[in-house]
Amino acid sequence: VIVTGSDDHLWKMWALPDGNIIMTGEGHTDWLSGCCFHPSGTQLVTSSGDTTVWIWDFSKRGCILTLEGHAHTVCDCLWHSCGDFVASASMDNTSKIWDVN
């Protein structure tokens, strides 16, 4: 399984090797710059040109948390290995560590 983000404001989860789309997430209002699986594989974090970071839960099939606080495009995002924190880096020259609990 892989996940991709795109200029169309969507992320898509693909099954390999056949390439079928398993799930799609929509809601960001600008291009997606980063996607990262939670260490458990049950959630996804995405970053976007819309200045936000979103936490998605696969079992709920949607966004469960929107992180706001950057002033410009969020360039990338990453889960900490413990799964309790997300890091984000922005074009506003800041990086943030978010406690998602």
Protein backbone atom coordinates (compact mmCIF):
# COMPACT_ATOMS: atom_id res chain seq x y z
CA VAL A 1 0.00 0.00 0.00
CA ILE A 2 1.22 3.50 -0.83
CA VAL A 3 -0.36 6.92 -0.46
CA THR A 4 0.06 9.93 -2.74
CA GLY A 5 -0.89 13.59 -2.51
CA SER A 6 -1.50 15.83 -5.49
CA ASP A 7 -2.26 19.26 -6.93
CA ASP A 8 -5.92 18.18 -7.14
CA HIS A 9 -6.20 18.62 -3.32
CA LEU A 10 -6.68 14.85 -2.79
CA TRP A 11 -4.71 12.03 -1.30
CA LYS A 12 -5.16 8.52 -2.63
CA MET A 13 -4.24 5.16 -1.16
CA TRP A 14 -3.21 2.57 -3.73
CA ALA A 15 -2.93 -1.22 -3.51
CA LEU A 16 0.21 -2.68 -4.99
CA PRO A 17 1.01 -4.30 -7.34
CA ASP A 18 -2.36 -3.94 -9.13
CA GLY A 19 -2.67 -0.16 -8.63
CA ASN A 20 -6.30 -0.11 -7.50
CA ILE A 21 -7.40 2.87 -5.43
CA ILE A 22 -8.41 1.74 -1.94
CA MET A 23 -9.37 5.09 -0.42
CA THR A 24 -9.41 8.80 -1.27
CA GLY A 25 -9.36 11.77 1.10
CA GLU A 26 -10.71 15.18 0.18
CA GLY A 27 -11.08 18.41 2.09
CA HIS A 28 -7.86 20.37 1.74
CA THR A 29 -8.37 23.57 -0.26
CA ASP A 30 -4.93 23.58 -1.91
CA TRP A 31 -2.30 21.13 -3.17
CA LEU A 32 -1.00 18.38 -0.90
CA SER A 33 2.68 18.63 -0.05
CA GLY A 34 3.10 15.65 2.27
CA CYS A 35 1.51 12.40 3.43
CA CYS A 36 2.76 10.08 6.17
CA PHE A 37 1.28 6.94 7.73
CA HIS A 38 0.89 6.68 11.52
CA PRO A 39 3.31 4.04 12.90
CA SER A 40 0.31 1.74 13.54
CA GLY A 41 -0.92 2.16 9.94
CA THR A 42 -4.40 3.21 11.11
CA GLN A 43 -4.09 6.94 10.43
CA LEU A 44 -2.52 9.37 7.98
CA VAL A 45 -1.22 12.92 8.35
CA THR A 46 -1.29 15.30 5.37
CA SER A 47 0.14 18.78 4.84
CA SER A 48 -1.00 21.32 2.29
CA GLY A 49 -0.56 24.64 0.58
CA ASP A 50 -3.70 25.71 2.45
CA THR A 51 -1.50 26.17 5.61
CA THR A 52 -3.08 23.24 7.47
CA VAL A 53 -2.13 19.75 8.65
CA TRP A 54 -4.89 17.12 8.78
CA ILE A 55 -5.08 13.84 10.68
CA TRP A 56 -7.14 11.17 8.91
CA ASP A 57 -8.52 8.00 10.50
CA PHE A 58 -9.03 5.10 8.12
CA SER A 59 -11.67 3.35 10.25
CA LYS A 60 -13.73 6.58 10.37
CA ARG A 61 -13.02 7.21 6.67
CA GLY A 62 -12.33 10.89 7.22
CA CYS A 63 -10.45 13.72 8.88
CA ILE A 64 -10.56 13.65 12.67
CA LEU A 65 -8.34 16.67 13.43
CA THR A 66 -7.23 19.82 11.61
CA LEU A 67 -4.07 21.51 12.89
CA GLU A 68 -3.95 25.25 12.19
CA GLY A 69 -1.19 27.69 13.09
CA HIS A 70 1.12 28.08 10.12
CA ALA A 71 0.95 31.35 8.19
CA HIS A 72 2.04 29.91 4.81
CA THR A 73 2.21 26.65 2.88
CA VAL A 74 3.06 23.61 4.99
CA CYS A 75 5.84 21.87 3.05
CA ASP A 76 5.84 18.50 4.79
CA CYS A 77 4.64 16.50 7.76
CA LEU A 78 5.81 13.42 9.66
CA TRP A 79 4.62 11.23 12.54
CA HIS A 80 6.97 10.68 15.45
CA SER A 81 7.74 6.98 15.89
CA CYS A 82 5.66 6.84 19.11
CA GLY A 83 2.58 8.04 17.21
CA ASP A 84 1.67 10.79 19.69
CA PHE A 85 3.30 13.71 17.87
CA VAL A 86 3.32 15.17 14.36
CA ALA A 87 6.02 17.48 13.02
CA SER A 88 5.33 20.03 10.30
CA ALA A 89 7.54 22.44 8.38
CA SER A 90 6.23 25.56 6.68
CA MET A 91 7.20 28.25 4.19
CA ASP A 92 6.61 30.71 7.06
CA ASN A 93 10.09 29.66 8.32
CA THR A 94 8.70 27.69 11.26
CA SER A 95 8.42 24.08 12.19
CA LYS A 96 5.95 22.82 14.74
CA ILE A 97 5.60 19.74 16.93
CA TRP A 98 1.92 18.92 17.52
CA ASP A 99 0.67 16.76 20.38
CA VAL A 100 -2.22 15.01 18.64
CA ASN A 101 -3.62 13.53 21.83
